[in-house]
Amino acid sequence: MSLRESIFEKMKEHNVDKIVVEFSGQGDSGDIDNVDFPDHVDLKVQANLEEEVTEFFNEEVSQNIPNWYDNGGGGGRLTFTLEGKTIICDSYVNYVETLDYENNF
């Protein structure tokens, strides 16, 4: 069973409709800031699911979002929804733009 399938199986088993993961980073490092369970979830179940969600994030997500942790940084939100078994990642990347001007006085 894949990690994704395992997460959704446990969500179903424990009546967890949604898990929201927020992440951010900059300067060559980044990590998960928060894992939220909008439904009331037993702390033991929450800890187990959080461990698998973190593993999924490290293996799949953090490697496929370009530069969210580099230079000016970035971040986002990863939402696991049991209905439809979807994982949606909304992310952003900060960047610096330089505008050059020349003036003659």
PDB file of N, CA and C in Angstrom:
ATOM      1  N   MET A   1       0.851  -1.170   0.000  1.00  0.00           N
ATOM      2  CA  MET A   1       0.000   0.000   0.000  1.00  0.00           C
ATOM      3  C   MET A   1       0.904   1.243   0.000  1.00  0.00           C
ATOM      4  N   SER A   2       0.578   2.200  -0.845  1.00  0.00           N
ATOM      5  CA  SER A   2       1.373   3.427  -0.910  1.00  0.00           C
ATOM      6  C   SER A   2       1.109   4.294   0.327  1.00  0.00           C
ATOM      7  N   LEU A   3       1.999   5.220   0.558  1.00  0.00           N
ATOM      8  CA  LEU A   3       1.853   6.136   1.684  1.00  0.00           C
ATOM      9  C   LEU A   3       0.568   6.954   1.546  1.00  0.00           C
ATOM     10  N   ARG A   4       0.285   7.406   0.345  1.00  0.00           N
ATOM     11  CA  ARG A   4      -0.947   8.161   0.075  1.00  0.00           C
ATOM     12  C   ARG A   4      -2.179   7.327   0.446  1.00  0.00           C
ATOM     13  N   GLU A   5      -2.213   6.082  -0.020  1.00  0.00           N
ATOM     14  CA  GLU A   5      -3.344   5.195   0.285  1.00  0.00           C
ATOM     15  C   GLU A   5      -3.464   4.954   1.785  1.00  0.00           C
ATOM     16  N   SER A   6      -2.334   4.799   2.452  1.00  0.00           N
ATOM     17  CA  SER A   6      -2.325   4.569   3.895  1.00  0.00           C
ATOM     18  C   SER A   6      -2.911   5.761   4.652  1.00  0.00           C
ATOM     19  N   ILE A   7      -2.554   6.955   4.240  1.00  0.00           N
ATOM     20  CA  ILE A   7      -3.084   8.162   4.891  1.00  0.00           C
ATOM     21  C   ILE A   7      -4.602   8.212   4.754  1.00  0.00           C
ATOM     22  N   PHE A   8      -5.089   8.006   3.534  1.00  0.00           N
ATOM     23  CA  PHE A   8      -6.540   8.065   3.330  1.00  0.00           C
ATOM     24  C   PHE A   8      -7.272   6.929   4.030  1.00  0.00           C
ATOM     25  N   GLU A   9      -6.660   5.758   4.104  1.00  0.00           N
ATOM     26  CA  GLU A   9      -7.270   4.629   4.814  1.00  0.00           C
ATOM     27  C   GLU A   9      -7.429   4.963   6.298  1.00  0.00           C
ATOM     28  N   LYS A  10      -6.400   5.548   6.887  1.00  0.00           N
ATOM     29  CA  LYS A  10      -6.466   5.919   8.304  1.00  0.00           C
ATOM     30  C   LYS A  10      -7.442   7.071   8.533  1.00  0.00           C
ATOM     31  N   MET A  11      -7.492   8.004   7.591  1.00  0.00           N
ATOM     32  CA  MET A  11      -8.466   9.089   7.719  1.00  0.00           C
ATOM     33  C   MET A  11      -9.880   8.516   7.752  1.00  0.00           C
ATOM     34  N   LYS A  12     -10.159   7.578   6.858  1.00  0.00           N
ATOM     35  CA  LYS A  12     -11.484   6.949   6.809  1.00  0.00           C
ATOM     36  C   LYS A  12     -11.768   6.180   8.091  1.00  0.00           C
ATOM     37  N   GLU A  13     -10.805   5.394   8.521  1.00  0.00           N
ATOM     38  CA  GLU A  13     -10.955   4.565   9.717  1.00  0.00           C
ATOM     39  C   GLU A  13     -11.270   5.400  10.963  1.00  0.00           C
ATOM     40  N   HIS A  14     -10.693   6.593  11.051  1.00  0.00           N
ATOM     41  CA  HIS A  14     -10.845   7.432  12.245  1.00  0.00           C
ATOM     42  C   HIS A  14     -11.741   8.656  12.024  1.00  0.00           C
ATOM     43  N   ASN A  15     -12.512   8.635  10.925  1.00  0.00           N
ATOM     44  CA  ASN A  15     -13.469   9.714  10.620  1.00  0.00           C
ATOM     45  C   ASN A  15     -12.819  11.097  10.574  1.00  0.00           C
ATOM     46  N   VAL A  16     -11.683  11.172   9.912  1.00  0.00           N
ATOM     47  CA  VAL A  16     -10.993  12.444   9.716  1.00  0.00           C
ATOM     48  C   VAL A  16     -11.301  12.900   8.296  1.00  0.00           C
ATOM     49  N   ASP A  17     -12.071  13.974   8.164  1.00  0.00           N
ATOM     50  CA  ASP A  17     -12.468  14.451   6.846  1.00  0.00           C
ATOM     51  C   ASP A  17     -11.388  15.264   6.151  1.00  0.00           C
ATOM     52  N   LYS A  18     -10.556  15.963   6.939  1.00  0.00           N
ATOM     53  CA  LYS A  18      -9.594  16.870   6.332  1.00  0.00           C
ATOM     54  C   LYS A  18      -8.362  17.039   7.217  1.00  0.00           C
ATOM     55  N   ILE A  19      -7.210  17.178   6.563  1.00  0.00           N
ATOM     56  CA  ILE A  19      -5.950  17.513   7.230  1.00  0.00           C
ATOM     57  C   ILE A  19      -5.331  18.657   6.440  1.00  0.00           C
ATOM     58  N   VAL A  20      -4.920  19.710   7.130  1.00  0.00           N
ATOM     59  CA  VAL A  20      -4.311  20.864   6.472  1.00  0.00           C
ATOM     60  C   VAL A  20      -2.886  21.040   6.991  1.00  0.00           C
ATOM     61  N   VAL A  21      -1.931  21.058   6.066  1.00  0.00           N
ATOM     62  CA  VAL A  21      -0.516  21.195   6.388  1.00  0.00           C
ATOM     63  C   VAL A  21      -0.033  22.543   5.854  1.00  0.00           C
ATOM     64  N   GLU A  22       0.524  23.369   6.728  1.00  0.00           N
ATOM     65  CA  GLU A  22       1.088  24.651   6.296  1.00  0.00           C
ATOM     66  C   GLU A  22       2.599  24.556   6.373  1.00  0.00           C
ATOM     67  N   PHE A  23       3.276  25.079   5.350  1.00  0.00           N
ATOM     68  CA  PHE A  23       4.732  25.000   5.308  1.00  0.00           C
ATOM     69  C   PHE A  23       5.313  26.309   4.787  1.00  0.00           C
ATOM     70  N   SER A  24       6.562  26.574   5.178  1.00  0.00           N
ATOM     71  CA  SER A  24       7.247  27.772   4.697  1.00  0.00           C
ATOM     72  C   SER A  24       8.747  27.581   4.831  1.00  0.00           C
ATOM     73  N   GLY A  25       9.479  28.453   4.156  1.00  0.00           N
ATOM     74  CA  GLY A  25      10.922  28.393   4.246  1.00  0.00           C
ATOM     75  C   GLY A  25      11.570  29.568   3.554  1.00  0.00           C
ATOM     76  N   GLN A  26      12.871  29.710   3.780  1.00  0.00           N
ATOM     77  CA  GLN A  26      13.679  30.706   3.085  1.00  0.00           C
ATOM     78  C   GLN A  26      15.141  30.459   3.416  1.00  0.00           C
ATOM     79  N   GLY A  27      16.019  31.043   2.622  1.00  0.00           N
ATOM     80  CA  GLY A  27      17.446  30.928   2.902  1.00  0.00           C
ATOM     81  C   GLY A  27      17.969  29.507   2.921  1.00  0.00           C
ATOM     82  N   ASP A  28      17.516  28.682   2.023  1.00  0.00           N
ATOM     83  CA  ASP A  28      17.977  27.296   1.866  1.00  0.00           C
ATOM     84  C   ASP A  28      17.415  26.300   2.873  1.00  0.00           C
ATOM     85  N   SER A  29      16.391  26.667   3.613  1.00  0.00           N
ATOM     86  CA  SER A  29      15.780  25.671   4.490  1.00  0.00           C
ATOM     87  C   SER A  29      14.282  25.945   4.615  1.00  0.00           C
ATOM     88  N   GLY A  30      13.553  24.917   4.931  1.00  0.00           N
ATOM     89  CA  GLY A  30      12.113  25.054   5.102  1.00  0.00           C
ATOM     90  C   GLY A  30      11.548  23.813   5.745  1.00  0.00           C
ATOM     91  N   ASP A  31      10.334  23.950   6.259  1.00  0.00           N
ATOM     92  CA  ASP A  31       9.743  22.814   6.947  1.00  0.00           C
ATOM     93  C   ASP A  31       8.244  23.046   7.116  1.00  0.00           C
ATOM     94  N   ILE A  32       7.603  22.059   7.693  1.00  0.00           N
ATOM     95  CA  ILE A  32       6.185  22.163   8.030  1.00  0.00           C
ATOM     96  C   ILE A  32       6.049  23.073   9.245  1.00  0.00           C
ATOM     97  N   ASP A  33       5.147  24.046   9.152  1.00  0.00           N
ATOM     98  CA  ASP A  33       4.876  24.944  10.274  1.00  0.00           C
ATOM     99  C   ASP A  33       3.773  24.413  11.170  1.00  0.00           C
ATOM    100  N   ASN A  34       2.785  23.770  10.566  1.00  0.00           N
ATOM    101  CA  ASN A  34       1.619  23.349  11.328  1.00  0.00           C
ATOM    102  C   ASN A  34       0.879  22.240  10.588  1.00  0.00           C
ATOM    103  N   VAL A  35       0.367  21.282  11.338  1.00  0.00           N
ATOM    104  CA  VAL A  35      -0.543  20.263  10.800  1.00  0.00           C
ATOM    105  C   VAL A  35      -1.830  20.408  11.588  1.00  0.00           C
ATOM    106  N   ASP A  36      -2.902  20.753  10.874  1.00  0.00           N
ATOM    107  CA  ASP A  36      -4.170  21.033  11.529  1.00  0.00           C
ATOM    108  C   ASP A  36      -5.207  19.970  11.170  1.00  0.00           C
ATOM    109  N   PHE A  37      -5.943  19.547  12.176  1.00  0.00           N
ATOM    110  CA  PHE A  37      -7.040  18.602  12.012  1.00  0.00           C
ATOM    111  C   PHE A  37      -8.325  19.345  12.356  1.00  0.00           C
ATOM    112  N   PRO A  38      -9.030  19.905  11.355  1.00  0.00           N
ATOM    113  CA  PRO A  38     -10.244  20.666  11.643  1.00  0.00           C
ATOM    114  C   PRO A  38     -11.299  19.872  12.414  1.00  0.00           C
ATOM    115  N   ASP A  39     -11.324  18.548  12.221  1.00  0.00           N
ATOM    116  CA  ASP A  39     -12.228  17.689  12.992  1.00  0.00           C
ATOM    117  C   ASP A  39     -11.539  17.367  14.315  1.00  0.00           C
ATOM    118  N   HIS A  40     -12.325  17.161  15.338  1.00  0.00           N
ATOM    119  CA  HIS A  40     -11.735  16.737  16.602  1.00  0.00           C
ATOM    120  C   HIS A  40     -11.185  15.330  16.416  1.00  0.00           C
ATOM    121  N   VAL A  41      -9.902  15.171  16.680  1.00  0.00           N
ATOM    122  CA  VAL A  41      -9.252  13.877  16.474  1.00  0.00           C
ATOM    123  C   VAL A  41      -8.508  13.494  17.750  1.00  0.00           C
ATOM    124  N   ASP A  42      -8.619  12.235  18.121  1.00  0.00           N
ATOM    125  CA  ASP A  42      -7.884  11.696  19.252  1.00  0.00           C
ATOM    126  C   ASP A  42      -6.393  11.991  19.070  1.00  0.00           C
ATOM    127  N   LEU A  43      -5.714  12.399  20.132  1.00  0.00           N
ATOM    128  CA  LEU A  43      -4.317  12.804  20.047  1.00  0.00           C
ATOM    129  C   LEU A  43      -3.397  11.692  19.544  1.00  0.00           C
ATOM    130  N   LYS A  44      -3.681  10.459  19.904  1.00  0.00           N
ATOM    131  CA  LYS A  44      -2.867   9.332  19.441  1.00  0.00           C
ATOM    132  C   LYS A  44      -3.031   9.145  17.927  1.00  0.00           C
ATOM    133  N   VAL A  45      -4.257   9.239  17.453  1.00  0.00           N
ATOM    134  CA  VAL A  45      -4.535   9.140  16.018  1.00  0.00           C
ATOM    135  C   VAL A  45      -3.882  10.309  15.300  1.00  0.00           C
ATOM    136  N   GLN A  46      -4.017  11.489  15.875  1.00  0.00           N
ATOM    137  CA  GLN A  46      -3.441  12.699  15.287  1.00  0.00           C
ATOM    138  C   GLN A  46      -1.925  12.552  15.136  1.00  0.00           C
ATOM    139  N   ALA A  47      -1.254  12.068  16.157  1.00  0.00           N
ATOM    140  CA  ALA A  47       0.199  11.897  16.116  1.00  0.00           C
ATOM    141  C   ALA A  47       0.603  10.906  15.030  1.00  0.00           C
ATOM    142  N   ASN A  48      -0.152   9.815  14.909  1.00  0.00           N
ATOM    143  CA  ASN A  48       0.141   8.807  13.902  1.00  0.00           C
ATOM    144  C   ASN A  48      -0.042   9.362  12.498  1.00  0.00           C
ATOM    145  N   LEU A  49      -1.151  10.055  12.273  1.00  0.00           N
ATOM    146  CA  LEU A  49      -1.403  10.646  10.962  1.00  0.00           C
ATOM    147  C   LEU A  49      -0.401  11.753  10.647  1.00  0.00           C
ATOM    148  N   GLU A  50      -0.064  12.547  11.640  1.00  0.00           N
ATOM    149  CA  GLU A  50       0.892  13.631  11.432  1.00  0.00           C
ATOM    150  C   GLU A  50       2.244  13.077  10.984  1.00  0.00           C
ATOM    151  N   GLU A  51       2.641  11.966  11.543  1.00  0.00           N
ATOM    152  CA  GLU A  51       3.900  11.323  11.159  1.00  0.00           C
ATOM    153  C   GLU A  51       3.872  10.910   9.681  1.00  0.00           C
ATOM    154  N   GLU A  52       2.770  10.303   9.251  1.00  0.00           N
ATOM    155  CA  GLU A  52       2.663   9.870   7.852  1.00  0.00           C
ATOM    156  C   GLU A  52       2.539  11.055   6.904  1.00  0.00           C
ATOM    157  N   VAL A  53       1.795  12.076   7.311  1.00  0.00           N
ATOM    158  CA  VAL A  53       1.648  13.273   6.479  1.00  0.00           C
ATOM    159  C   VAL A  53       3.009  13.957   6.313  1.00  0.00           C
ATOM    160  N   THR A  54       3.789  14.014   7.375  1.00  0.00           N
ATOM    161  CA  THR A  54       5.126  14.611   7.307  1.00  0.00           C
ATOM    162  C   THR A  54       6.019  13.815   6.367  1.00  0.00           C
ATOM    163  N   GLU A  55       5.943  12.502   6.442  1.00  0.00           N
ATOM    164  CA  GLU A  55       6.721  11.649   5.548  1.00  0.00           C
ATOM    165  C   GLU A  55       6.313  11.884   4.092  1.00  0.00           C
ATOM    166  N   PHE A  56       4.999  11.976   3.843  1.00  0.00           N
ATOM    167  CA  PHE A  56       4.506  12.240   2.496  1.00  0.00           C
ATOM    168  C   PHE A  56       5.019  13.592   2.000  1.00  0.00           C
ATOM    169  N   PHE A  57       4.949  14.586   2.859  1.00  0.00           N
ATOM    170  CA  PHE A  57       5.435  15.926   2.504  1.00  0.00           C
ATOM    171  C   PHE A  57       6.914  15.871   2.119  1.00  0.00           C
ATOM    172  N   ASN A  58       7.722  15.228   2.935  1.00  0.00           N
ATOM    173  CA  ASN A  58       9.162  15.170   2.682  1.00  0.00           C
ATOM    174  C   ASN A  58       9.511  14.391   1.419  1.00  0.00           C
ATOM    175  N   GLU A  59       8.770  13.319   1.146  1.00  0.00           N
ATOM    176  CA  GLU A  59       9.074  12.485  -0.016  1.00  0.00           C
ATOM    177  C   GLU A  59       8.505  13.023  -1.316  1.00  0.00           C
ATOM    178  N   GLU A  60       7.320  13.586  -1.264  1.00  0.00           N
ATOM    179  CA  GLU A  60       6.633  13.966  -2.491  1.00  0.00           C
ATOM    180  C   GLU A  60       6.577  15.475  -2.737  1.00  0.00           C
ATOM    181  N   VAL A  61       6.091  16.181  -1.773  1.00  0.00           N
ATOM    182  CA  VAL A  61       5.768  17.588  -1.979  1.00  0.00           C
ATOM    183  C   VAL A  61       7.000  18.480  -2.003  1.00  0.00           C
ATOM    184  N   SER A  62       7.838  18.369  -0.985  1.00  0.00           N
ATOM    185  CA  SER A  62       8.959  19.300  -0.896  1.00  0.00           C
ATOM    186  C   SER A  62       9.915  19.158  -2.078  1.00  0.00           C
ATOM    187  N   GLN A  63       9.915  18.010  -2.734  1.00  0.00           N
ATOM    188  CA  GLN A  63      10.790  17.793  -3.885  1.00  0.00           C
ATOM    189  C   GLN A  63      10.183  18.285  -5.200  1.00  0.00           C
ATOM    190  N   ASN A  64       8.902  18.587  -5.214  1.00  0.00           N
ATOM    191  CA  ASN A  64       8.214  18.923  -6.464  1.00  0.00           C
ATOM    192  C   ASN A  64       7.704  20.353  -6.556  1.00  0.00           C
ATOM    193  N   ILE A  65       7.956  21.158  -5.542  1.00  0.00           N
ATOM    194  CA  ILE A  65       7.599  22.576  -5.595  1.00  0.00           C
ATOM    195  C   ILE A  65       8.906  23.347  -5.727  1.00  0.00           C
ATOM    196  N   PRO A  66       9.149  23.961  -6.871  1.00  0.00           N
ATOM    197  CA  PRO A  66      10.458  24.583  -7.085  1.00  0.00           C
ATOM    198  C   PRO A  66      10.732  25.762  -6.156  1.00  0.00           C
ATOM    199  N   ASN A  67      11.866  25.690  -5.466  1.00  0.00           N
ATOM    200  CA  ASN A  67      12.444  26.800  -4.703  1.00  0.00           C
ATOM    201  C   ASN A  67      11.579  27.409  -3.606  1.00  0.00           C
ATOM    202  N   TRP A  68      10.663  26.682  -3.040  1.00  0.00           N
ATOM    203  CA  TRP A  68       9.828  27.258  -1.971  1.00  0.00           C
ATOM    204  C   TRP A  68      10.634  27.529  -0.706  1.00  0.00           C
ATOM    205  N   TYR A  69      11.778  26.921  -0.570  1.00  0.00           N
ATOM    206  CA  TYR A  69      12.608  27.050   0.633  1.00  0.00           C
ATOM    207  C   TYR A  69      13.899  27.822   0.363  1.00  0.00           C
ATOM    208  N   ASP A  70      14.129  28.245  -0.862  1.00  0.00           N
ATOM    209  CA  ASP A  70      15.406  28.820  -1.255  1.00  0.00           C
ATOM    210  C   ASP A  70      15.339  30.351  -1.313  1.00  0.00           C
ATOM    211  N   ASN A  71      16.449  31.000  -1.110  1.00  0.00           N
ATOM    212  CA  ASN A  71      16.588  32.449  -1.230  1.00  0.00           C
ATOM    213  C   ASN A  71      15.487  33.194  -0.477  1.00  0.00           C
ATOM    214  N   GLY A  72      14.617  33.918  -1.202  1.00  0.00           N
ATOM    215  CA  GLY A  72      13.549  34.695  -0.573  1.00  0.00           C
ATOM    216  C   GLY A  72      12.450  33.834   0.013  1.00  0.00           C
ATOM    217  N   GLY A  73      12.496  32.558  -0.296  1.00  0.00           N
ATOM    218  CA  GLY A  73      11.573  31.622   0.330  1.00  0.00           C
ATOM    219  C   GLY A  73      10.224  31.514  -0.330  1.00  0.00           C
ATOM    220  N   GLY A  74       9.331  30.923   0.407  1.00  0.00           N
ATOM    221  CA  GLY A  74       7.979  30.680  -0.059  1.00  0.00           C
ATOM    222  C   GLY A  74       7.265  29.810   0.949  1.00  0.00           C
ATOM    223  N   GLY A  75       6.212  29.203   0.502  1.00  0.00           N
ATOM    224  CA  GLY A  75       5.461  28.344   1.400  1.00  0.00           C
ATOM    225  C   GLY A  75       4.176  27.900   0.752  1.00  0.00           C
ATOM    226  N   GLY A  76       3.262  27.456   1.592  1.00  0.00           N
ATOM    227  CA  GLY A  76       1.991  27.026   1.047  1.00  0.00           C
ATOM    228  C   GLY A  76       1.180  26.202   2.016  1.00  0.00           C
ATOM    229  N   ARG A  77       0.169  25.600   1.441  1.00  0.00           N
ATOM    230  CA  ARG A  77      -0.777  24.789   2.208  1.00  0.00           C
ATOM    231  C   ARG A  77      -1.074  23.524   1.415  1.00  0.00           C
ATOM    232  N   LEU A  78      -1.022  22.402   2.103  1.00  0.00           N
ATOM    233  CA  LEU A  78      -1.324  21.101   1.539  1.00  0.00           C
ATOM    234  C   LEU A  78      -2.579  20.596   2.237  1.00  0.00           C
ATOM    235  N   THR A  79      -3.628  20.315   1.468  1.00  0.00           N
ATOM    236  CA  THR A  79      -4.897  19.896   2.058  1.00  0.00           C
ATOM    237  C   THR A  79      -5.265  18.492   1.600  1.00  0.00           C
ATOM    238  N   PHE A  80      -5.370  17.592   2.570  1.00  0.00           N
ATOM    239  CA  PHE A  80      -5.827  16.229   2.326  1.00  0.00           C
ATOM    240  C   PHE A  80      -7.325  16.212   2.609  1.00  0.00           C
ATOM    241  N   THR A  81      -8.135  15.810   1.633  1.00  0.00           N
ATOM    242  CA  THR A  81      -9.579  15.734   1.812  1.00  0.00           C
ATOM    243  C   THR A  81     -10.035  14.309   1.542  1.00  0.00           C
ATOM    244  N   LEU A  82     -10.678  13.706   2.537  1.00  0.00           N
ATOM    245  CA  LEU A  82     -11.106  12.313   2.415  1.00  0.00           C
ATOM    246  C   LEU A  82     -12.080  12.133   1.260  1.00  0.00           C
ATOM    247  N   GLU A  83     -13.083  13.020   1.172  1.00  0.00           N
ATOM    248  CA  GLU A  83     -14.055  12.925   0.086  1.00  0.00           C
ATOM    249  C   GLU A  83     -13.342  13.158  -1.238  1.00  0.00           C
ATOM    250  N   GLY A  84     -13.322  12.177  -2.082  1.00  0.00           N
ATOM    251  CA  GLY A  84     -12.619  12.264  -3.355  1.00  0.00           C
ATOM    252  C   GLY A  84     -11.144  11.903  -3.258  1.00  0.00           C
ATOM    253  N   LYS A  85     -10.662  11.699  -2.038  1.00  0.00           N
ATOM    254  CA  LYS A  85      -9.262  11.356  -1.789  1.00  0.00           C
ATOM    255  C   LYS A  85      -8.325  12.294  -2.552  1.00  0.00           C
ATOM    256  N   THR A  86      -8.489  13.582  -2.296  1.00  0.00           N
ATOM    257  CA  THR A  86      -7.677  14.576  -2.986  1.00  0.00           C
ATOM    258  C   THR A  86      -6.606  15.160  -2.074  1.00  0.00           C
ATOM    259  N   ILE A  87      -5.511  15.532  -2.690  1.00  0.00           N
ATOM    260  CA  ILE A  87      -4.441  16.263  -2.021  1.00  0.00           C
ATOM    261  C   ILE A  87      -4.154  17.479  -2.890  1.00  0.00           C
ATOM    262  N   ILE A  88      -4.501  18.646  -2.381  1.00  0.00           N
ATOM    263  CA  ILE A  88      -4.314  19.892  -3.126  1.00  0.00           C
ATOM    264  C   ILE A  88      -3.195  20.679  -2.462  1.00  0.00           C
ATOM    265  N   CYS A  89      -2.264  21.147  -3.280  1.00  0.00           N
ATOM    266  CA  CYS A  89      -1.164  21.956  -2.764  1.00  0.00           C
ATOM    267  C   CYS A  89      -1.240  23.347  -3.390  1.00  0.00           C
ATOM    268  N   ASP A  90      -1.483  24.343  -2.564  1.00  0.00           N
ATOM    269  CA  ASP A  90      -1.427  25.741  -2.974  1.00  0.00           C
ATOM    270  C   ASP A  90      -0.114  26.283  -2.444  1.00  0.00           C
ATOM    271  N   SER A  91       0.746  26.761  -3.336  1.00  0.00           N
ATOM    272  CA  SER A  91       2.056  27.219  -2.884  1.00  0.00           C
ATOM    273  C   SER A  91       2.424  28.547  -3.525  1.00  0.00           C
ATOM    274  N   TYR A  92       3.415  29.180  -2.944  1.00  0.00           N
ATOM    275  CA  TYR A  92       3.920  30.448  -3.477  1.00  0.00           C
ATOM    276  C   TYR A  92       5.430  30.492  -3.309  1.00  0.00           C
ATOM    277  N   VAL A  93       6.061  31.279  -4.148  1.00  0.00           N
ATOM    278  CA  VAL A  93       7.503  31.492  -4.090  1.00  0.00           C
ATOM    279  C   VAL A  93       7.741  32.988  -4.099  1.00  0.00           C
ATOM    280  N   ASN A  94       8.529  33.469  -3.150  1.00  0.00           N
ATOM    281  CA  ASN A  94       8.905  34.882  -3.112  1.00  0.00           C
ATOM    282  C   ASN A  94      10.111  35.096  -4.019  1.00  0.00           C
ATOM    283  N   TYR A  95      10.137  36.230  -4.685  1.00  0.00           N
ATOM    284  CA  TYR A  95      11.305  36.551  -5.482  1.00  0.00           C
ATOM    285  C   TYR A  95      11.555  38.050  -5.412  1.00  0.00           C
ATOM    286  N   VAL A  96      12.785  38.420  -5.711  1.00  0.00           N
ATOM    287  CA  VAL A  96      13.181  39.825  -5.699  1.00  0.00           C
ATOM    288  C   VAL A  96      13.353  40.262  -7.134  1.00  0.00           C
ATOM    289  N   GLU A  97      12.759  41.376  -7.456  1.00  0.00           N
ATOM    290  CA  GLU A  97      12.890  41.928  -8.791  1.00  0.00           C
ATOM    291  C   GLU A  97      13.686  43.221  -8.687  1.00  0.00           C
ATOM    292  N   THR A  98      14.636  43.388  -9.573  1.00  0.00           N
ATOM    293  CA  THR A  98      15.455  44.607  -9.582  1.00  0.00           C
ATOM    294  C   THR A  98      15.093  45.438 -10.785  1.00  0.00           C
ATOM    295  N   LEU A  99      14.803  46.691 -10.545  1.00  0.00           N
ATOM    296  CA  LEU A  99      14.524  47.627 -11.629  1.00  0.00           C
ATOM    297  C   LEU A  99      15.670  48.626 -11.711  1.00  0.00           C
ATOM    298  N   ASP A 100      16.278  48.735 -12.870  1.00  0.00           N
ATOM    299  CA  ASP A 100      17.384  49.677 -13.057  1.00  0.00           C
ATOM    300  C   ASP A 100      16.864  50.940 -13.724  1.00  0.00           C
ATOM    301  N   TYR A 101      17.363  52.068 -13.245  1.00  0.00           N
ATOM    302  CA  TYR A 101      16.998  53.362 -13.831  1.00  0.00           C
ATOM    303  C   TYR A 101      18.272  54.136 -14.147  1.00  0.00           C
ATOM    304  N   GLU A 102      18.222  54.872 -15.202  1.00  0.00           N
ATOM    305  CA  GLU A 102      19.330  55.767 -15.532  1.00  0.00           C
ATOM    306  C   GLU A 102      18.772  57.179 -15.610  1.00  0.00           C
ATOM    307  N   ASN A 103      19.421  58.097 -14.944  1.00  0.00           N
ATOM    308  CA  ASN A 103      18.985  59.497 -14.955  1.00  0.00           C
ATOM    309  C   ASN A 103      20.127  60.375 -15.435  1.00  0.00           C
ATOM    310  N   ASN A 104      19.829  61.329 -16.256  1.00  0.00           N
ATOM    311  CA  ASN A 104      20.804  62.336 -16.701  1.00  0.00           C
ATOM    312  C   ASN A 104      20.414  63.667 -16.102  1.00  0.00           C
ATOM    313  N   PHE A 105      21.346  64.291 -15.402  1.00  0.00           N
ATOM    314  CA  PHE A 105      21.070  65.589 -14.790  1.00  0.00           C
ATOM    315  C   PHE A 105      21.968  66.649 -15.401  1.00  0.00           C
TER     316      PHE A 105
END
